[in-house]
Amino acid sequence: MDDASTPTSCYWLRDDDGAEILIPMCCGAAIGGPAECTCNVPESRIEAAERGRAEAEAQVLRLREVRDHRLEEQARMWRENKRLRERISELETLLATKAS
């Protein structure tokens, strides 16, 4: 008969160094590892941290793409403004020569 202190579902064993190992209590975890656990045991701290890191990295990549797009657009606008300033200067010079 099961003792009250005997776990009936998978659980994470953590040592003092922070290492974690899943103690499987279901067939899914025993065969397929933590991803196949049918006990709905929460993910390990390491998996949670790794998932968070991957999400943060993906966000950084998205933000870099947005930044690059905006920098390209800014450079395009600066080139267009420069071209327009040069054209205005040409027209002012032309107008000044016609007015004299």
N, C-alpha and C. Protein backbone atom coordinates (compact mmCIF):
# COMPACT_ATOMS: atom_id res chain seq x y z
N MET A 1 0.84 -1.17 0.00
CA MET A 1 0.00 0.00 0.00
C MET A 1 0.88 1.24 0.00
N ASP A 2 0.44 2.28 -0.70
CA ASP A 2 1.22 3.50 -0.81
C ASP A 2 1.24 4.27 0.49
N ASP A 3 2.42 4.75 0.82
CA ASP A 3 2.59 5.64 1.97
C ASP A 3 2.14 7.05 1.57
N ALA A 4 1.67 7.85 2.49
CA ALA A 4 1.20 9.21 2.19
C ALA A 4 2.32 10.09 1.65
N SER A 5 3.58 9.78 1.98
CA SER A 5 4.69 10.59 1.51
C SER A 5 5.20 10.13 0.14
N THR A 6 4.68 9.03 -0.38
CA THR A 6 5.10 8.54 -1.69
C THR A 6 4.35 9.31 -2.77
N PRO A 7 5.10 10.00 -3.66
CA PRO A 7 4.43 10.75 -4.72
C PRO A 7 3.71 9.83 -5.69
N THR A 8 2.60 10.32 -6.22
CA THR A 8 1.83 9.52 -7.17
C THR A 8 1.91 10.11 -8.58
N SER A 9 2.59 11.23 -8.72
CA SER A 9 2.78 11.82 -10.04
C SER A 9 4.25 12.21 -10.20
N CYS A 10 4.63 12.51 -11.41
CA CYS A 10 6.01 12.89 -11.68
C CYS A 10 6.38 14.12 -10.85
N TYR A 11 7.64 14.23 -10.53
CA TYR A 11 8.11 15.41 -9.78
C TYR A 11 9.58 15.66 -10.10
N TRP A 12 9.98 16.90 -9.88
CA TRP A 12 11.36 17.31 -10.12
C TRP A 12 12.16 17.17 -8.83
N LEU A 13 13.30 16.55 -8.93
CA LEU A 13 14.22 16.44 -7.82
C LEU A 13 15.33 17.45 -8.07
N ARG A 14 15.55 18.32 -7.10
CA ARG A 14 16.57 19.37 -7.24
C ARG A 14 17.62 19.17 -6.16
N ASP A 15 18.90 19.20 -6.59
CA ASP A 15 19.96 19.09 -5.59
C ASP A 15 20.46 20.49 -5.20
N ASP A 16 21.39 20.54 -4.29
CA ASP A 16 21.89 21.82 -3.78
C ASP A 16 22.61 22.63 -4.85
N ASP A 17 23.13 21.97 -5.87
CA ASP A 17 23.84 22.66 -6.95
C ASP A 17 22.89 23.23 -7.99
N GLY A 18 21.60 22.96 -7.88
CA GLY A 18 20.62 23.47 -8.82
C GLY A 18 20.30 22.52 -9.96
N ALA A 19 20.94 21.36 -9.97
CA ALA A 19 20.64 20.37 -11.01
C ALA A 19 19.25 19.81 -10.77
N GLU A 20 18.55 19.55 -11.86
CA GLU A 20 17.19 19.03 -11.77
C GLU A 20 17.06 17.75 -12.59
N ILE A 21 16.28 16.84 -12.07
CA ILE A 21 15.97 15.62 -12.81
C ILE A 21 14.52 15.27 -12.54
N LEU A 22 13.83 14.87 -13.59
CA LEU A 22 12.43 14.48 -13.45
C LEU A 22 12.38 13.03 -12.98
N ILE A 23 11.67 12.83 -11.90
CA ILE A 23 11.43 11.47 -11.42
C ILE A 23 10.10 11.04 -12.03
N PRO A 24 10.15 10.14 -13.02
CA PRO A 24 8.92 9.77 -13.72
C PRO A 24 8.05 8.83 -12.89
N MET A 25 6.78 9.14 -12.85
CA MET A 25 5.80 8.28 -12.18
C MET A 25 4.72 7.84 -13.16
N CYS A 26 4.76 8.36 -14.38
CA CYS A 26 3.79 7.95 -15.40
C CYS A 26 4.55 7.33 -16.57
N CYS A 27 3.86 6.58 -17.37
CA CYS A 27 4.50 5.92 -18.51
C CYS A 27 5.04 6.91 -19.52
N GLY A 28 4.29 7.99 -19.75
CA GLY A 28 4.72 8.98 -20.73
C GLY A 28 6.07 9.57 -20.40
N ALA A 29 6.27 9.98 -19.15
CA ALA A 29 7.55 10.55 -18.73
C ALA A 29 8.64 9.49 -18.72
N ALA A 30 8.29 8.28 -18.33
CA ALA A 30 9.28 7.21 -18.28
C ALA A 30 9.79 6.87 -19.67
N ILE A 31 8.91 6.94 -20.66
CA ILE A 31 9.30 6.58 -22.03
C ILE A 31 9.80 7.78 -22.82
N GLY A 32 9.07 8.90 -22.74
CA GLY A 32 9.38 10.04 -23.60
C GLY A 32 10.03 11.22 -22.93
N GLY A 33 10.24 11.16 -21.62
CA GLY A 33 10.86 12.27 -20.92
C GLY A 33 9.84 13.32 -20.51
N PRO A 34 10.32 14.47 -20.02
CA PRO A 34 9.43 15.50 -19.48
C PRO A 34 8.37 16.00 -20.46
N ALA A 35 8.70 16.04 -21.73
CA ALA A 35 7.75 16.55 -22.72
C ALA A 35 6.53 15.64 -22.87
N GLU A 36 6.66 14.39 -22.53
CA GLU A 36 5.57 13.42 -22.69
C GLU A 36 4.85 13.10 -21.38
N CYS A 37 5.15 13.83 -20.32
CA CYS A 37 4.54 13.57 -19.02
C CYS A 37 3.03 13.80 -19.10
N THR A 38 2.27 12.84 -18.58
CA THR A 38 0.81 12.96 -18.58
C THR A 38 0.28 13.42 -17.22
N CYS A 39 1.18 13.69 -16.28
CA CYS A 39 0.78 14.15 -14.94
C CYS A 39 0.60 15.66 -14.89
N ASN A 40 0.91 16.33 -15.98
CA ASN A 40 0.86 17.79 -16.03
C ASN A 40 1.77 18.43 -14.98
N VAL A 41 2.92 17.81 -14.77
CA VAL A 41 3.90 18.38 -13.85
C VAL A 41 4.44 19.67 -14.47
N PRO A 42 4.60 20.73 -13.69
CA PRO A 42 5.12 21.97 -14.26
C PRO A 42 6.53 21.74 -14.80
N GLU A 43 6.90 22.55 -15.78
CA GLU A 43 8.23 22.39 -16.35
C GLU A 43 9.28 22.74 -15.30
N SER A 44 10.47 22.27 -15.53
CA SER A 44 11.55 22.54 -14.58
C SER A 44 11.94 24.00 -14.65
N ARG A 45 12.62 24.47 -13.63
CA ARG A 45 13.10 25.85 -13.63
C ARG A 45 14.04 26.10 -14.80
N ILE A 46 14.84 25.10 -15.14
CA ILE A 46 15.78 25.23 -16.26
C ILE A 46 15.01 25.36 -17.57
N GLU A 47 13.99 24.52 -17.77
CA GLU A 47 13.19 24.60 -18.99
C GLU A 47 12.47 25.94 -19.07
N ALA A 48 11.93 26.41 -17.94
CA ALA A 48 11.23 27.69 -17.92
C ALA A 48 12.19 28.83 -18.27
N ALA A 49 13.38 28.78 -17.69
CA ALA A 49 14.38 29.82 -17.99
C ALA A 49 14.81 29.76 -19.45
N GLU A 50 14.98 28.57 -19.98
CA GLU A 50 15.38 28.41 -21.38
C GLU A 50 14.28 28.91 -22.31
N ARG A 51 13.02 28.60 -21.98
CA ARG A 51 11.91 29.09 -22.78
C ARG A 51 11.86 30.61 -22.74
N GLY A 52 12.03 31.17 -21.55
CA GLY A 52 12.05 32.63 -21.41
C GLY A 52 13.17 33.26 -22.21
N ARG A 53 14.34 32.64 -22.20
CA ARG A 53 15.48 33.13 -22.97
C ARG A 53 15.19 33.10 -24.46
N ALA A 54 14.60 32.00 -24.91
CA ALA A 54 14.28 31.87 -26.33
C ALA A 54 13.24 32.92 -26.75
N GLU A 55 12.24 33.16 -25.90
CA GLU A 55 11.24 34.18 -26.22
C GLU A 55 11.87 35.57 -26.25
N ALA A 56 12.76 35.85 -25.31
CA ALA A 56 13.44 37.15 -25.28
C ALA A 56 14.33 37.33 -26.51
N GLU A 57 15.01 36.28 -26.89
CA GLU A 57 15.87 36.33 -28.06
C GLU A 57 15.05 36.59 -29.33
N ALA A 58 13.90 35.94 -29.44
CA ALA A 58 13.02 36.15 -30.59
C ALA A 58 12.52 37.60 -30.62
N GLN A 59 12.20 38.14 -29.45
CA GLN A 59 11.74 39.53 -29.37
C GLN A 59 12.86 40.48 -29.79
N VAL A 60 14.08 40.21 -29.36
CA VAL A 60 15.22 41.04 -29.75
C VAL A 60 15.39 41.02 -31.27
N LEU A 61 15.27 39.85 -31.86
CA LEU A 61 15.40 39.74 -33.32
C LEU A 61 14.30 40.53 -34.03
N ARG A 62 13.05 40.45 -33.52
CA ARG A 62 11.96 41.23 -34.11
C ARG A 62 12.23 42.73 -33.99
N LEU A 63 12.71 43.15 -32.83
CA LEU A 63 13.00 44.57 -32.62
C LEU A 63 14.14 45.04 -33.51
N ARG A 64 15.13 44.20 -33.73
CA ARG A 64 16.24 44.55 -34.64
C ARG A 64 15.72 44.73 -36.06
N GLU A 65 14.82 43.85 -36.49
CA GLU A 65 14.25 43.98 -37.83
C GLU A 65 13.48 45.29 -37.98
N VAL A 66 12.70 45.64 -36.96
CA VAL A 66 11.95 46.90 -36.98
C VAL A 66 12.92 48.07 -37.02
N ARG A 67 13.97 48.02 -36.20
CA ARG A 67 14.97 49.09 -36.17
C ARG A 67 15.63 49.23 -37.54
N ASP A 68 16.04 48.11 -38.13
CA ASP A 68 16.70 48.17 -39.44
C ASP A 68 15.77 48.76 -40.49
N HIS A 69 14.51 48.36 -40.46
CA HIS A 69 13.54 48.90 -41.42
C HIS A 69 13.40 50.41 -41.23
N ARG A 70 13.30 50.85 -39.99
CA ARG A 70 13.15 52.28 -39.72
C ARG A 70 14.40 53.06 -40.09
N LEU A 71 15.58 52.48 -39.87
CA LEU A 71 16.82 53.16 -40.27
C LEU A 71 16.90 53.29 -41.79
N GLU A 72 16.48 52.25 -42.51
CA GLU A 72 16.47 52.32 -43.97
C GLU A 72 15.50 53.41 -44.44
N GLU A 73 14.34 53.48 -43.82
CA GLU A 73 13.35 54.49 -44.17
C GLU A 73 13.88 55.89 -43.85
N GLN A 74 14.55 56.05 -42.73
CA GLN A 74 15.13 57.34 -42.36
C GLN A 74 16.20 57.75 -43.37
N ALA A 75 17.05 56.83 -43.75
CA ALA A 75 18.10 57.13 -44.74
C ALA A 75 17.47 57.53 -46.07
N ARG A 76 16.40 56.83 -46.47
CA ARG A 76 15.72 57.18 -47.71
C ARG A 76 15.15 58.60 -47.64
N MET A 77 14.55 58.92 -46.49
CA MET A 77 13.98 60.26 -46.34
C MET A 77 15.08 61.33 -46.33
N TRP A 78 16.21 61.04 -45.72
CA TRP A 78 17.32 62.00 -45.72
C TRP A 78 17.83 62.24 -47.14
N ARG A 79 17.95 61.16 -47.91
CA ARG A 79 18.39 61.32 -49.31
C ARG A 79 17.39 62.16 -50.09
N GLU A 80 16.10 61.89 -49.88
CA GLU A 80 15.07 62.66 -50.58
C GLU A 80 15.10 64.12 -50.15
N ASN A 81 15.26 64.40 -48.86
CA ASN A 81 15.36 65.78 -48.39
C ASN A 81 16.57 66.49 -48.97
N LYS A 82 17.69 65.79 -49.05
CA LYS A 82 18.90 66.37 -49.64
C LYS A 82 18.66 66.71 -51.11
N ARG A 83 18.05 65.78 -51.82
CA ARG A 83 17.75 66.03 -53.24
C ARG A 83 16.83 67.24 -53.39
N LEU A 84 15.81 67.34 -52.53
CA LEU A 84 14.88 68.47 -52.60
C LEU A 84 15.56 69.79 -52.26
N ARG A 85 16.44 69.78 -51.25
CA ARG A 85 17.18 71.00 -50.91
C ARG A 85 18.06 71.45 -52.08
N GLU A 86 18.71 70.49 -52.73
CA GLU A 86 19.54 70.82 -53.89
C GLU A 86 18.69 71.39 -55.02
N ARG A 87 17.53 70.82 -55.24
CA ARG A 87 16.63 71.32 -56.30
C ARG A 87 16.13 72.72 -55.96
N ILE A 88 15.79 72.96 -54.68
CA ILE A 88 15.37 74.30 -54.26
C ILE A 88 16.48 75.30 -54.50
N SER A 89 17.70 74.92 -54.16
CA SER A 89 18.85 75.81 -54.37
C SER A 89 19.03 76.11 -55.86
N GLU A 90 18.88 75.09 -56.70
CA GLU A 90 18.99 75.30 -58.16
C GLU A 90 17.91 76.27 -58.64
N LEU A 91 16.67 76.08 -58.17
CA LEU A 91 15.58 76.94 -58.60
C LEU A 91 15.76 78.37 -58.09
N GLU A 92 16.27 78.53 -56.86
CA GLU A 92 16.54 79.87 -56.34
C GLU A 92 17.60 80.57 -57.16
N THR A 93 18.64 79.81 -57.54
CA THR A 93 19.70 80.38 -58.37
C THR A 93 19.14 80.78 -59.73
N LEU A 94 18.32 79.93 -60.31
CA LEU A 94 17.71 80.21 -61.61
C LEU A 94 16.81 81.42 -61.53
N LEU A 95 16.02 81.52 -60.47
CA LEU A 95 15.14 82.66 -60.26
C LEU A 95 15.93 83.95 -60.07
N ALA A 96 17.02 83.86 -59.34
CA ALA A 96 17.87 85.05 -59.11
C ALA A 96 18.48 85.55 -60.40
N THR A 97 18.89 84.62 -61.28
CA THR A 97 19.50 85.04 -62.56
C THR A 97 18.44 85.63 -63.48
N LYS A 98 17.23 85.14 -63.43
CA LYS A 98 16.15 85.68 -64.27
C LYS A 98 15.67 87.04 -63.75
N ALA A 99 15.74 87.24 -62.44
CA ALA A 99 15.29 88.50 -61.86
C ALA A 99 16.30 89.62 -62.08
N SER A 100 17.57 89.29 -62.34
CA SER A 100 18.56 90.34 -62.52
C SER A 100 18.58 90.91 -63.90
